[in-house]
Amino acid sequence: MSICLERSGILFVLSAPSGGGKSSVLGALLKRMDGLGYSASVTSRPPRPNEKEGVDFHFVSIEEFQRLIERKEFYEWAQVHGNLYGTRKSTVDDLLAQGLDVAMDLDVQGACAIKGMKPDSVTIFLLPPSMATLEERLRGRDTDDEEVVRLRIHGAADEVASCRLFDYLLVNDDLDAVIAEITSIIRAERHRSIHQRLLVKDEPSVEKILAQKGLARSTA
């Protein structure tokens, strides 16, 4: 008999407070790791400069987002800072069915919702080196007005307090180091028994092979 392992696709969810660098980390990770697909979230907010449809997000109107909710097409959805965000089931499931691992970046609320619906998903939380660094990153993006920045800074403290809900915790103070750590996590998770299926196959004997070919072994 021969023994082999067949692995199912794994869903990896990367989360961090606003400005915590999860999008930058995920972008770099996708370029460096083989067999890792990306599930872009759906959002009702307008695209920021340099954001591309289907690459960063799927941008839809509020009306279309509501229709997707009514048709129960999301694993999770939430309103964050006045905008709607959701994870579409078909996007994730299609990639997993192809045997690919799937990575996505979500806020804390979305990551916890995914974990509740898919307990075998793997959640990773990126902590900022300090709250001062986080505020500096938020202001340095120059994509939100002052009111939104203040809201994000206020919410970040609660998000950091929720970090114990995640499977893995990392401090995002060095991009290359964080990428190396997440790469190690992914490689280890790919070998966990919960993601593996044991296959045992009968190996045909010499006699069976000869019989299938219409041949017979000489007994002389």
N, C-alpha and C. Protein backbone atom coordinates (compact mmCIF):
# COMPACT_ATOMS: atom_id res chain seq x y z
N MET A 1 0.84 -1.19 0.00
CA MET A 1 0.00 0.00 0.00
C MET A 1 0.88 1.25 0.00
N SER A 2 0.41 2.27 -0.68
CA SER A 2 1.12 3.55 -0.67
C SER A 2 0.31 4.55 0.16
N ILE A 3 1.01 5.43 0.85
CA ILE A 3 0.37 6.43 1.71
C ILE A 3 0.73 7.82 1.20
N CYS A 4 -0.28 8.64 1.04
CA CYS A 4 -0.02 10.03 0.64
C CYS A 4 -1.02 10.94 1.35
N LEU A 5 -0.74 12.22 1.31
CA LEU A 5 -1.59 13.22 1.97
C LEU A 5 -2.17 14.15 0.92
N GLU A 6 -3.44 14.46 1.09
CA GLU A 6 -4.11 15.42 0.22
C GLU A 6 -4.56 16.59 1.09
N ARG A 7 -4.13 17.79 0.74
CA ARG A 7 -4.39 18.94 1.59
C ARG A 7 -5.50 19.81 1.03
N SER A 8 -6.37 20.26 1.91
CA SER A 8 -7.40 21.20 1.50
C SER A 8 -6.85 22.63 1.56
N GLY A 9 -7.49 23.54 0.84
CA GLY A 9 -7.07 24.93 0.88
C GLY A 9 -7.34 25.53 2.26
N ILE A 10 -6.49 26.45 2.68
CA ILE A 10 -6.61 27.07 4.01
C ILE A 10 -6.90 28.55 3.84
N LEU A 11 -7.79 29.07 4.65
CA LEU A 11 -8.11 30.49 4.64
C LEU A 11 -7.30 31.19 5.73
N PHE A 12 -6.45 32.13 5.32
CA PHE A 12 -5.64 32.93 6.24
C PHE A 12 -6.21 34.34 6.30
N VAL A 13 -6.50 34.80 7.51
CA VAL A 13 -7.09 36.13 7.69
C VAL A 13 -6.10 37.00 8.46
N LEU A 14 -5.67 38.07 7.81
CA LEU A 14 -4.71 39.00 8.40
C LEU A 14 -5.47 40.24 8.88
N SER A 15 -5.24 40.63 10.13
CA SER A 15 -5.96 41.78 10.67
C SER A 15 -5.01 42.68 11.44
N ALA A 16 -5.43 43.92 11.62
CA ALA A 16 -4.64 44.92 12.35
C ALA A 16 -5.53 46.14 12.56
N PRO A 17 -5.17 47.02 13.47
CA PRO A 17 -5.90 48.28 13.57
C PRO A 17 -5.72 49.09 12.28
N SER A 18 -6.60 50.04 12.04
CA SER A 18 -6.44 50.92 10.88
C SER A 18 -5.05 51.57 10.93
N GLY A 19 -4.33 51.48 9.81
CA GLY A 19 -2.97 52.02 9.78
C GLY A 19 -1.94 51.04 10.29
N GLY A 20 -2.36 49.81 10.59
CA GLY A 20 -1.44 48.82 11.13
C GLY A 20 -0.57 48.15 10.09
N GLY A 21 -0.82 48.43 8.81
CA GLY A 21 0.04 47.94 7.74
C GLY A 21 -0.35 46.59 7.17
N LYS A 22 -1.59 46.13 7.44
CA LYS A 22 -1.97 44.79 6.97
C LYS A 22 -2.00 44.70 5.44
N SER A 23 -2.43 45.76 4.76
CA SER A 23 -2.49 45.72 3.30
C SER A 23 -1.10 45.64 2.69
N SER A 24 -0.16 46.40 3.25
CA SER A 24 1.22 46.37 2.75
C SER A 24 1.86 45.01 2.99
N VAL A 25 1.63 44.45 4.17
CA VAL A 25 2.18 43.14 4.49
C VAL A 25 1.60 42.08 3.57
N LEU A 26 0.28 42.11 3.38
CA LEU A 26 -0.36 41.10 2.54
C LEU A 26 0.12 41.22 1.09
N GLY A 27 0.26 42.44 0.58
CA GLY A 27 0.73 42.63 -0.78
C GLY A 27 2.12 42.03 -0.99
N ALA A 28 3.00 42.25 -0.03
CA ALA A 28 4.36 41.70 -0.13
C ALA A 28 4.33 40.18 0.00
N LEU A 29 3.47 39.69 0.88
CA LEU A 29 3.38 38.25 1.10
C LEU A 29 2.91 37.52 -0.16
N LEU A 30 1.93 38.08 -0.84
CA LEU A 30 1.39 37.45 -2.05
C LEU A 30 2.43 37.36 -3.16
N LYS A 31 3.36 38.30 -3.19
CA LYS A 31 4.40 38.28 -4.21
C LYS A 31 5.47 37.22 -3.92
N ARG A 32 5.60 36.85 -2.65
CA ARG A 32 6.71 35.97 -2.26
C ARG A 32 6.30 34.51 -2.05
N MET A 33 5.01 34.25 -1.84
CA MET A 33 4.58 32.89 -1.51
C MET A 33 3.84 32.25 -2.66
N ASP A 34 4.22 31.02 -2.99
CA ASP A 34 3.52 30.25 -4.02
C ASP A 34 2.26 29.62 -3.42
N GLY A 35 1.27 29.39 -4.29
CA GLY A 35 0.06 28.70 -3.87
C GLY A 35 -0.84 29.50 -2.97
N LEU A 36 -0.69 30.82 -2.97
CA LEU A 36 -1.48 31.67 -2.11
C LEU A 36 -2.30 32.64 -2.95
N GLY A 37 -3.63 32.52 -2.88
CA GLY A 37 -4.51 33.40 -3.62
C GLY A 37 -5.03 34.52 -2.71
N TYR A 38 -5.63 35.52 -3.33
CA TYR A 38 -6.13 36.68 -2.57
C TYR A 38 -7.62 36.86 -2.82
N SER A 39 -8.35 37.09 -1.75
CA SER A 39 -9.78 37.37 -1.86
C SER A 39 -10.00 38.85 -1.55
N ALA A 40 -10.28 39.62 -2.59
CA ALA A 40 -10.53 41.05 -2.39
C ALA A 40 -11.92 41.26 -1.80
N SER A 41 -12.01 42.09 -0.78
CA SER A 41 -13.29 42.38 -0.16
C SER A 41 -14.15 43.27 -1.05
N VAL A 42 -15.44 43.27 -0.77
CA VAL A 42 -16.38 44.17 -1.44
C VAL A 42 -16.58 45.38 -0.54
N THR A 43 -16.61 46.58 -1.10
CA THR A 43 -16.82 47.77 -0.30
C THR A 43 -17.70 48.78 -1.02
N SER A 44 -18.41 49.57 -0.22
CA SER A 44 -19.26 50.61 -0.78
C SER A 44 -18.53 51.95 -0.87
N ARG A 45 -17.32 52.01 -0.32
CA ARG A 45 -16.61 53.30 -0.36
C ARG A 45 -15.95 53.51 -1.72
N PRO A 46 -15.71 54.75 -2.10
CA PRO A 46 -15.04 55.00 -3.38
C PRO A 46 -13.58 54.61 -3.30
N PRO A 47 -12.97 54.27 -4.44
CA PRO A 47 -11.55 53.89 -4.42
C PRO A 47 -10.65 55.06 -4.07
N ARG A 48 -9.57 54.75 -3.36
CA ARG A 48 -8.56 55.76 -3.08
C ARG A 48 -7.61 55.84 -4.27
N PRO A 49 -6.78 56.87 -4.33
CA PRO A 49 -5.82 56.97 -5.43
C PRO A 49 -4.96 55.71 -5.51
N ASN A 50 -4.77 55.21 -6.71
CA ASN A 50 -3.95 54.03 -7.01
C ASN A 50 -4.61 52.69 -6.64
N GLU A 51 -5.81 52.71 -6.08
CA GLU A 51 -6.52 51.45 -5.83
C GLU A 51 -7.20 50.98 -7.11
N LYS A 52 -7.17 49.66 -7.33
CA LYS A 52 -7.72 49.10 -8.57
C LYS A 52 -8.86 48.14 -8.27
N GLU A 53 -9.89 48.20 -9.11
CA GLU A 53 -11.03 47.31 -9.00
C GLU A 53 -10.60 45.86 -9.16
N GLY A 54 -11.05 45.01 -8.22
CA GLY A 54 -10.73 43.60 -8.28
C GLY A 54 -9.36 43.24 -7.76
N VAL A 55 -8.52 44.24 -7.55
CA VAL A 55 -7.18 44.00 -7.02
C VAL A 55 -7.14 44.37 -5.54
N ASP A 56 -7.52 45.60 -5.24
CA ASP A 56 -7.56 46.05 -3.85
C ASP A 56 -8.92 45.73 -3.21
N PHE A 57 -9.98 46.09 -3.92
CA PHE A 57 -11.35 45.82 -3.48
C PHE A 57 -12.23 45.65 -4.71
N HIS A 58 -13.44 45.12 -4.46
CA HIS A 58 -14.51 45.20 -5.45
C HIS A 58 -15.40 46.36 -5.01
N PHE A 59 -15.41 47.42 -5.80
CA PHE A 59 -16.15 48.64 -5.43
C PHE A 59 -17.56 48.59 -6.00
N VAL A 60 -18.55 48.71 -5.11
CA VAL A 60 -19.95 48.67 -5.54
C VAL A 60 -20.70 49.83 -4.88
N SER A 61 -21.89 50.09 -5.39
CA SER A 61 -22.73 51.12 -4.78
C SER A 61 -23.35 50.58 -3.49
N ILE A 62 -23.86 51.46 -2.67
CA ILE A 62 -24.54 51.04 -1.44
C ILE A 62 -25.74 50.16 -1.79
N GLU A 63 -26.45 50.51 -2.87
CA GLU A 63 -27.62 49.74 -3.28
C GLU A 63 -27.23 48.31 -3.67
N GLU A 64 -26.14 48.16 -4.42
CA GLU A 64 -25.69 46.83 -4.82
C GLU A 64 -25.22 46.03 -3.60
N PHE A 65 -24.55 46.70 -2.67
CA PHE A 65 -24.10 46.04 -1.46
C PHE A 65 -25.30 45.50 -0.69
N GLN A 66 -26.35 46.29 -0.59
CA GLN A 66 -27.56 45.85 0.12
C GLN A 66 -28.18 44.64 -0.57
N ARG A 67 -28.15 44.62 -1.89
CA ARG A 67 -28.70 43.47 -2.62
C ARG A 67 -27.89 42.20 -2.31
N LEU A 68 -26.58 42.34 -2.20
CA LEU A 68 -25.74 41.19 -1.87
C LEU A 68 -26.04 40.69 -0.46
N ILE A 69 -26.31 41.59 0.45
CA ILE A 69 -26.70 41.19 1.81
C ILE A 69 -28.00 40.40 1.78
N GLU A 70 -28.97 40.92 1.04
CA GLU A 70 -30.29 40.27 0.97
C GLU A 70 -30.19 38.87 0.38
N ARG A 71 -29.25 38.68 -0.56
CA ARG A 71 -29.08 37.36 -1.18
C ARG A 71 -28.15 36.45 -0.37
N LYS A 72 -27.73 36.94 0.80
CA LYS A 72 -26.86 36.17 1.71
C LYS A 72 -25.58 35.71 1.02
N GLU A 73 -24.95 36.63 0.30
CA GLU A 73 -23.75 36.28 -0.46
C GLU A 73 -22.45 36.58 0.29
N PHE A 74 -22.56 37.05 1.55
CA PHE A 74 -21.37 37.37 2.31
C PHE A 74 -21.12 36.37 3.43
N TYR A 75 -19.84 36.04 3.65
CA TYR A 75 -19.48 35.33 4.88
C TYR A 75 -19.62 36.27 6.06
N GLU A 76 -19.23 37.50 5.85
CA GLU A 76 -19.36 38.52 6.88
C GLU A 76 -19.42 39.88 6.20
N TRP A 77 -20.06 40.81 6.86
CA TRP A 77 -20.05 42.19 6.38
C TRP A 77 -20.21 43.11 7.58
N ALA A 78 -19.75 44.33 7.43
CA ALA A 78 -19.82 45.27 8.54
C ALA A 78 -19.76 46.69 8.00
N GLN A 79 -20.23 47.60 8.83
CA GLN A 79 -20.08 49.02 8.53
C GLN A 79 -18.92 49.54 9.35
N VAL A 80 -17.92 50.09 8.68
CA VAL A 80 -16.72 50.56 9.33
C VAL A 80 -16.46 52.00 8.92
N HIS A 81 -16.48 52.89 9.90
CA HIS A 81 -16.24 54.32 9.65
C HIS A 81 -17.14 54.86 8.53
N GLY A 82 -18.40 54.41 8.54
CA GLY A 82 -19.39 54.94 7.59
C GLY A 82 -19.44 54.22 6.26
N ASN A 83 -18.57 53.24 6.05
CA ASN A 83 -18.56 52.50 4.78
C ASN A 83 -18.84 51.01 5.03
N LEU A 84 -19.38 50.34 4.02
CA LEU A 84 -19.72 48.93 4.13
C LEU A 84 -18.61 48.07 3.52
N TYR A 85 -18.26 46.98 4.22
CA TYR A 85 -17.24 46.05 3.73
C TYR A 85 -17.77 44.63 3.91
N GLY A 86 -17.47 43.74 2.97
CA GLY A 86 -17.94 42.37 3.09
C GLY A 86 -17.04 41.38 2.38
N THR A 87 -17.08 40.13 2.83
CA THR A 87 -16.33 39.03 2.21
C THR A 87 -17.30 38.14 1.46
N ARG A 88 -17.19 38.11 0.16
CA ARG A 88 -18.13 37.36 -0.66
C ARG A 88 -17.79 35.87 -0.63
N LYS A 89 -18.79 35.05 -0.35
CA LYS A 89 -18.58 33.60 -0.21
C LYS A 89 -18.01 32.99 -1.48
N SER A 90 -18.57 33.32 -2.62
CA SER A 90 -18.16 32.67 -3.86
C SER A 90 -16.70 32.94 -4.19
N THR A 91 -16.21 34.12 -3.88
CA THR A 91 -14.81 34.45 -4.15
C THR A 91 -13.87 33.55 -3.38
N VAL A 92 -14.15 33.39 -2.08
CA VAL A 92 -13.32 32.55 -1.22
C VAL A 92 -13.45 31.08 -1.59
N ASP A 93 -14.68 30.61 -1.71
CA ASP A 93 -14.92 29.18 -1.94
C ASP A 93 -14.35 28.69 -3.27
N ASP A 94 -14.42 29.53 -4.30
CA ASP A 94 -13.89 29.13 -5.60
C ASP A 94 -12.38 28.91 -5.53
N LEU A 95 -11.68 29.77 -4.82
CA LEU A 95 -10.22 29.63 -4.70
C LEU A 95 -9.86 28.40 -3.86
N LEU A 96 -10.57 28.20 -2.76
CA LEU A 96 -10.28 27.04 -1.90
C LEU A 96 -10.56 25.74 -2.65
N ALA A 97 -11.61 25.74 -3.48
CA ALA A 97 -11.95 24.53 -4.24
C ALA A 97 -10.87 24.17 -5.24
N GLN A 98 -10.09 25.17 -5.66
CA GLN A 98 -8.99 24.93 -6.60
C GLN A 98 -7.75 24.40 -5.88
N GLY A 99 -7.84 24.23 -4.56
CA GLY A 99 -6.70 23.76 -3.79
C GLY A 99 -5.73 24.85 -3.40
N LEU A 100 -6.12 26.11 -3.63
CA LEU A 100 -5.27 27.23 -3.25
C LEU A 100 -5.54 27.63 -1.81
N ASP A 101 -4.50 28.09 -1.13
CA ASP A 101 -4.71 28.79 0.13
C ASP A 101 -5.17 30.20 -0.21
N VAL A 102 -5.97 30.79 0.65
CA VAL A 102 -6.54 32.11 0.40
C VAL A 102 -6.15 33.05 1.53
N ALA A 103 -5.69 34.23 1.18
CA ALA A 103 -5.34 35.24 2.17
C ALA A 103 -6.22 36.46 1.98
N MET A 104 -6.60 37.06 3.08
CA MET A 104 -7.38 38.30 3.00
C MET A 104 -7.03 39.17 4.20
N ASP A 105 -7.23 40.46 4.05
CA ASP A 105 -7.03 41.39 5.15
C ASP A 105 -8.37 41.98 5.56
N LEU A 106 -8.69 41.84 6.84
CA LEU A 106 -9.97 42.29 7.37
C LEU A 106 -9.76 43.03 8.68
N ASP A 107 -10.76 43.84 9.05
CA ASP A 107 -10.71 44.45 10.37
C ASP A 107 -11.03 43.38 11.42
N VAL A 108 -10.94 43.76 12.69
CA VAL A 108 -11.12 42.80 13.78
C VAL A 108 -12.51 42.18 13.74
N GLN A 109 -13.51 43.00 13.53
CA GLN A 109 -14.89 42.51 13.50
C GLN A 109 -15.07 41.46 12.41
N GLY A 110 -14.57 41.74 11.22
CA GLY A 110 -14.70 40.81 10.11
C GLY A 110 -13.93 39.53 10.33
N ALA A 111 -12.71 39.64 10.88
CA ALA A 111 -11.89 38.46 11.13
C ALA A 111 -12.56 37.53 12.14
N CYS A 112 -13.15 38.10 13.19
CA CYS A 112 -13.82 37.28 14.20
C CYS A 112 -15.08 36.62 13.63
N ALA A 113 -15.77 37.32 12.74
CA ALA A 113 -16.95 36.74 12.10
C ALA A 113 -16.56 35.55 11.22
N ILE A 114 -15.48 35.70 10.45
CA ILE A 114 -15.00 34.61 9.61
C ILE A 114 -14.60 33.41 10.46
N LYS A 115 -13.90 33.64 11.56
CA LYS A 115 -13.47 32.56 12.44
C LYS A 115 -14.67 31.81 13.00
N GLY A 116 -15.75 32.54 13.29
CA GLY A 116 -16.95 31.89 13.80
C GLY A 116 -17.61 30.99 12.78
N MET A 117 -17.58 31.39 11.50
CA MET A 117 -18.22 30.60 10.45
C MET A 117 -17.29 29.52 9.89
N LYS A 118 -15.99 29.79 9.92
CA LYS A 118 -15.00 28.83 9.41
C LYS A 118 -13.93 28.62 10.49
N PRO A 119 -14.22 27.74 11.47
CA PRO A 119 -13.28 27.56 12.59
C PRO A 119 -11.89 27.09 12.18
N ASP A 120 -11.77 26.46 11.00
CA ASP A 120 -10.45 25.99 10.58
C ASP A 120 -9.63 27.09 9.88
N SER A 121 -10.19 28.29 9.77
CA SER A 121 -9.41 29.40 9.21
C SER A 121 -8.33 29.79 10.21
N VAL A 122 -7.29 30.47 9.71
CA VAL A 122 -6.15 30.85 10.54
C VAL A 122 -6.09 32.38 10.61
N THR A 123 -6.17 32.91 11.83
CA THR A 123 -6.21 34.37 12.00
C THR A 123 -4.89 34.88 12.57
N ILE A 124 -4.42 35.97 12.00
CA ILE A 124 -3.13 36.57 12.38
C ILE A 124 -3.36 38.06 12.65
N PHE A 125 -2.92 38.53 13.81
CA PHE A 125 -3.10 39.94 14.16
C PHE A 125 -1.76 40.65 14.19
N LEU A 126 -1.69 41.79 13.50
CA LEU A 126 -0.49 42.61 13.47
C LEU A 126 -0.63 43.76 14.46
N LEU A 127 0.24 43.78 15.44
CA LEU A 127 0.25 44.86 16.44
C LEU A 127 1.20 45.96 15.99
N PRO A 128 0.85 47.22 16.22
CA PRO A 128 1.80 48.30 15.92
C PRO A 128 2.89 48.34 16.98
N PRO A 129 4.09 48.86 16.63
CA PRO A 129 5.15 48.97 17.64
C PRO A 129 4.74 49.85 18.81
N SER A 130 3.89 50.86 18.52
CA SER A 130 3.36 51.74 19.56
C SER A 130 2.15 52.45 19.00
N MET A 131 1.32 53.01 19.88
CA MET A 131 0.16 53.75 19.41
C MET A 131 0.59 55.04 18.73
N ALA A 132 1.72 55.61 19.16
CA ALA A 132 2.24 56.82 18.51
C ALA A 132 2.63 56.52 17.07
N THR A 133 3.24 55.36 16.85
CA THR A 133 3.62 54.96 15.49
C THR A 133 2.37 54.77 14.64
N LEU A 134 1.34 54.18 15.22
CA LEU A 134 0.09 53.96 14.49
C LEU A 134 -0.53 55.29 14.07
N GLU A 135 -0.57 56.25 14.98
CA GLU A 135 -1.13 57.56 14.65
C GLU A 135 -0.31 58.24 13.55
N GLU A 136 1.00 58.10 13.62
CA GLU A 136 1.88 58.68 12.60
C GLU A 136 1.59 58.08 11.23
N ARG A 137 1.37 56.75 11.18
CA ARG A 137 1.06 56.08 9.91
C ARG A 137 -0.28 56.56 9.35
N LEU A 138 -1.27 56.70 10.24
CA LEU A 138 -2.59 57.13 9.78
C LEU A 138 -2.53 58.53 9.19
N ARG A 139 -1.84 59.41 9.86
CA ARG A 139 -1.75 60.78 9.36
C ARG A 139 -0.87 60.86 8.12
N GLY A 140 0.11 59.98 8.03
CA GLY A 140 1.02 59.99 6.89
C GLY A 140 0.37 59.51 5.61
N ARG A 141 -0.74 58.72 5.72
CA ARG A 141 -1.43 58.24 4.52
C ARG A 141 -2.08 59.38 3.76
N ASP A 142 -2.54 60.39 4.51
CA ASP A 142 -3.16 61.58 3.91
C ASP A 142 -4.33 61.20 2.98
N THR A 143 -5.12 60.21 3.42
CA THR A 143 -6.27 59.78 2.61
C THR A 143 -7.60 60.08 3.29
N ASP A 144 -7.55 60.44 4.59
CA ASP A 144 -8.78 60.69 5.34
C ASP A 144 -8.73 62.07 5.97
N ASP A 145 -9.92 62.63 6.19
CA ASP A 145 -9.95 63.93 6.86
C ASP A 145 -9.71 63.75 8.35
N GLU A 146 -9.56 64.85 9.07
CA GLU A 146 -9.17 64.81 10.48
C GLU A 146 -10.18 64.05 11.34
N GLU A 147 -11.46 64.20 11.05
CA GLU A 147 -12.48 63.52 11.85
C GLU A 147 -12.36 62.01 11.72
N VAL A 148 -12.14 61.54 10.49
CA VAL A 148 -12.00 60.10 10.27
C VAL A 148 -10.73 59.58 10.93
N VAL A 149 -9.65 60.35 10.86
CA VAL A 149 -8.40 59.94 11.50
C VAL A 149 -8.60 59.78 13.00
N ARG A 150 -9.31 60.73 13.62
CA ARG A 150 -9.56 60.64 15.06
C ARG A 150 -10.40 59.41 15.39
N LEU A 151 -11.38 59.12 14.55
CA LEU A 151 -12.21 57.93 14.77
C LEU A 151 -11.38 56.66 14.69
N ARG A 152 -10.48 56.61 13.71
CA ARG A 152 -9.63 55.43 13.54
C ARG A 152 -8.68 55.27 14.73
N ILE A 153 -8.11 56.35 15.21
CA ILE A 153 -7.20 56.28 16.36
C ILE A 153 -7.95 55.81 17.60
N HIS A 154 -9.16 56.34 17.79
CA HIS A 154 -9.97 55.93 18.94
C HIS A 154 -10.33 54.45 18.87
N GLY A 155 -10.70 53.97 17.68
CA GLY A 155 -11.07 52.56 17.52
C GLY A 155 -9.89 51.62 17.62
N ALA A 156 -8.70 52.12 17.33
CA ALA A 156 -7.51 51.26 17.32
C ALA A 156 -7.23 50.66 18.69
N ALA A 157 -7.48 51.42 19.76
CA ALA A 157 -7.23 50.92 21.12
C ALA A 157 -8.10 49.71 21.41
N ASP A 158 -9.37 49.77 21.01
CA ASP A 158 -10.27 48.62 21.22
C ASP A 158 -9.85 47.43 20.37
N GLU A 159 -9.38 47.71 19.14
CA GLU A 159 -8.94 46.63 18.25
C GLU A 159 -7.72 45.92 18.82
N VAL A 160 -6.77 46.68 19.35
CA VAL A 160 -5.58 46.09 19.96
C VAL A 160 -5.97 45.23 21.16
N ALA A 161 -6.96 45.69 21.92
CA ALA A 161 -7.42 44.94 23.10
C ALA A 161 -8.04 43.60 22.72
N SER A 162 -8.47 43.48 21.46
CA SER A 162 -9.11 42.24 20.99
C SER A 162 -8.11 41.24 20.42
N CYS A 163 -6.83 41.55 20.48
CA CYS A 163 -5.83 40.73 19.79
C CYS A 163 -5.79 39.29 20.30
N ARG A 164 -6.18 39.04 21.55
CA ARG A 164 -6.12 37.69 22.11
C ARG A 164 -7.13 36.74 21.46
N LEU A 165 -8.04 37.27 20.67
CA LEU A 165 -9.01 36.43 19.96
C LEU A 165 -8.38 35.75 18.75
N PHE A 166 -7.16 36.13 18.40
CA PHE A 166 -6.52 35.64 17.17
C PHE A 166 -5.58 34.48 17.46
N ASP A 167 -5.32 33.68 16.42
CA ASP A 167 -4.44 32.51 16.56
C ASP A 167 -2.98 32.90 16.73
N TYR A 168 -2.56 33.94 16.02
CA TYR A 168 -1.16 34.37 16.05
C TYR A 168 -1.09 35.89 16.23
N LEU A 169 -0.08 36.32 17.00
CA LEU A 169 0.17 37.75 17.22
C LEU A 169 1.59 38.09 16.79
N LEU A 170 1.72 39.17 16.00
CA LEU A 170 3.02 39.63 15.54
C LEU A 170 3.08 41.14 15.68
N VAL A 171 4.26 41.66 15.99
CA VAL A 171 4.46 43.11 16.02
C VAL A 171 5.02 43.53 14.67
N ASN A 172 4.33 44.45 14.01
CA ASN A 172 4.72 44.88 12.67
C ASN A 172 5.65 46.10 12.75
N ASP A 173 6.91 45.81 13.07
CA ASP A 173 7.88 46.91 13.13
C ASP A 173 8.97 46.78 12.07
N ASP A 174 8.96 45.64 11.33
CA ASP A 174 9.93 45.44 10.26
C ASP A 174 9.27 44.56 9.20
N LEU A 175 9.09 45.09 8.00
CA LEU A 175 8.33 44.39 6.97
C LEU A 175 8.93 43.03 6.63
N ASP A 176 10.22 43.00 6.39
CA ASP A 176 10.85 41.73 6.00
C ASP A 176 10.74 40.69 7.11
N ALA A 177 10.89 41.12 8.36
CA ALA A 177 10.80 40.19 9.48
C ALA A 177 9.39 39.64 9.63
N VAL A 178 8.40 40.50 9.47
CA VAL A 178 7.00 40.07 9.58
C VAL A 178 6.66 39.10 8.45
N ILE A 179 7.11 39.39 7.24
CA ILE A 179 6.85 38.50 6.10
C ILE A 179 7.47 37.12 6.37
N ALA A 180 8.68 37.11 6.89
CA ALA A 180 9.33 35.83 7.20
C ALA A 180 8.56 35.05 8.25
N GLU A 181 8.04 35.75 9.25
CA GLU A 181 7.30 35.08 10.32
C GLU A 181 5.98 34.52 9.80
N ILE A 182 5.26 35.29 8.98
CA ILE A 182 3.98 34.82 8.44
C ILE A 182 4.22 33.67 7.46
N THR A 183 5.29 33.74 6.70
CA THR A 183 5.65 32.64 5.80
C THR A 183 5.85 31.35 6.59
N SER A 184 6.52 31.44 7.73
CA SER A 184 6.73 30.27 8.58
C SER A 184 5.40 29.73 9.11
N ILE A 185 4.50 30.64 9.48
CA ILE A 185 3.18 30.22 9.97
C ILE A 185 2.43 29.46 8.89
N ILE A 186 2.41 30.01 7.68
CA ILE A 186 1.69 29.37 6.57
C ILE A 186 2.26 27.99 6.28
N ARG A 187 3.58 27.89 6.22
CA ARG A 187 4.21 26.60 5.94
C ARG A 187 3.89 25.57 7.01
N ALA A 188 3.88 26.01 8.27
CA ALA A 188 3.55 25.09 9.36
C ALA A 188 2.08 24.66 9.29
N GLU A 189 1.19 25.62 9.03
CA GLU A 189 -0.24 25.29 8.97
C GLU A 189 -0.55 24.32 7.83
N ARG A 190 0.19 24.40 6.76
CA ARG A 190 -0.04 23.48 5.63
C ARG A 190 0.23 22.03 6.01
N HIS A 191 0.95 21.82 7.10
CA HIS A 191 1.26 20.45 7.53
C HIS A 191 0.44 20.01 8.74
N ARG A 192 -0.43 20.86 9.24
CA ARG A 192 -1.26 20.46 10.38
C ARG A 192 -2.27 19.39 9.96
N SER A 193 -2.54 18.48 10.87
CA SER A 193 -3.41 17.34 10.54
C SER A 193 -4.83 17.76 10.18
N ILE A 194 -5.32 18.88 10.75
CA ILE A 194 -6.70 19.29 10.47
C ILE A 194 -6.89 19.72 9.02
N HIS A 195 -5.78 20.03 8.34
CA HIS A 195 -5.87 20.46 6.94
C HIS A 195 -5.47 19.33 5.97
N GLN A 196 -5.24 18.14 6.51
CA GLN A 196 -4.74 17.04 5.69
C GLN A 196 -5.75 15.89 5.63
N ARG A 197 -5.76 15.20 4.52
CA ARG A 197 -6.56 13.98 4.39
C ARG A 197 -5.62 12.84 4.01
N LEU A 198 -5.70 11.77 4.79
CA LEU A 198 -4.82 10.63 4.58
C LEU A 198 -5.40 9.72 3.51
N LEU A 199 -4.59 9.44 2.49
CA LEU A 199 -5.01 8.56 1.41
C LEU A 199 -4.12 7.32 1.40
N VAL A 200 -4.75 6.16 1.46
CA VAL A 200 -4.02 4.89 1.40
C VAL A 200 -4.47 4.16 0.14
N LYS A 201 -3.52 3.87 -0.71
CA LYS A 201 -3.84 3.22 -1.98
C LYS A 201 -3.20 1.85 -2.08
N ASP A 202 -3.95 0.90 -2.65
CA ASP A 202 -3.40 -0.43 -2.89
C ASP A 202 -2.43 -0.37 -4.07
N GLU A 203 -1.26 -0.93 -3.87
CA GLU A 203 -0.29 -1.00 -4.96
C GLU A 203 -0.46 -2.35 -5.66
N PRO A 204 -0.70 -2.37 -6.95
CA PRO A 204 -0.92 -3.64 -7.65
C PRO A 204 0.32 -4.53 -7.60
N SER A 205 0.08 -5.80 -7.40
CA SER A 205 1.19 -6.76 -7.39
C SER A 205 1.67 -6.99 -8.82
N VAL A 206 2.82 -7.63 -8.93
CA VAL A 206 3.37 -7.96 -10.26
C VAL A 206 2.37 -8.84 -11.01
N GLU A 207 1.74 -9.79 -10.30
CA GLU A 207 0.79 -10.69 -10.95
C GLU A 207 -0.39 -9.93 -11.54
N LYS A 208 -0.90 -8.93 -10.78
CA LYS A 208 -2.03 -8.14 -11.26
C LYS A 208 -1.65 -7.34 -12.50
N ILE A 209 -0.46 -6.78 -12.49
CA ILE A 209 0.00 -5.99 -13.64
C ILE A 209 0.10 -6.87 -14.88
N LEU A 210 0.68 -8.07 -14.71
CA LEU A 210 0.82 -8.99 -15.85
C LEU A 210 -0.55 -9.43 -16.35
N ALA A 211 -1.46 -9.70 -15.41
CA ALA A 211 -2.81 -10.14 -15.80
C ALA A 211 -3.54 -9.05 -16.57
N GLN A 212 -3.37 -7.78 -16.13
CA GLN A 212 -4.02 -6.68 -16.83
C GLN A 212 -3.50 -6.53 -18.24
N LYS A 213 -2.26 -6.93 -18.47
CA LYS A 213 -1.67 -6.83 -19.80
C LYS A 213 -1.83 -8.11 -20.61
N GLY A 214 -2.53 -9.08 -20.01
CA GLY A 214 -2.73 -10.34 -20.71
C GLY A 214 -1.52 -11.21 -20.74
N LEU A 215 -0.62 -11.01 -19.79
CA LEU A 215 0.59 -11.80 -19.73
C LEU A 215 0.56 -12.71 -18.51
N ALA A 216 1.37 -13.70 -18.50
CA ALA A 216 1.44 -14.60 -17.36
C ALA A 216 2.91 -14.83 -17.01
N ARG A 217 3.20 -14.84 -15.71
CA ARG A 217 4.58 -15.06 -15.30
C ARG A 217 4.91 -16.56 -15.43
N SER A 218 6.05 -16.83 -15.95
CA SER A 218 6.47 -18.24 -16.10
C SER A 218 6.79 -18.82 -14.74
N THR A 219 6.32 -20.06 -14.53
CA THR A 219 6.60 -20.75 -13.25
C THR A 219 7.68 -21.80 -13.43
N ALA A 220 8.24 -21.87 -14.63
CA ALA A 220 9.26 -22.90 -14.90
C ALA A 220 10.52 -22.58 -14.16
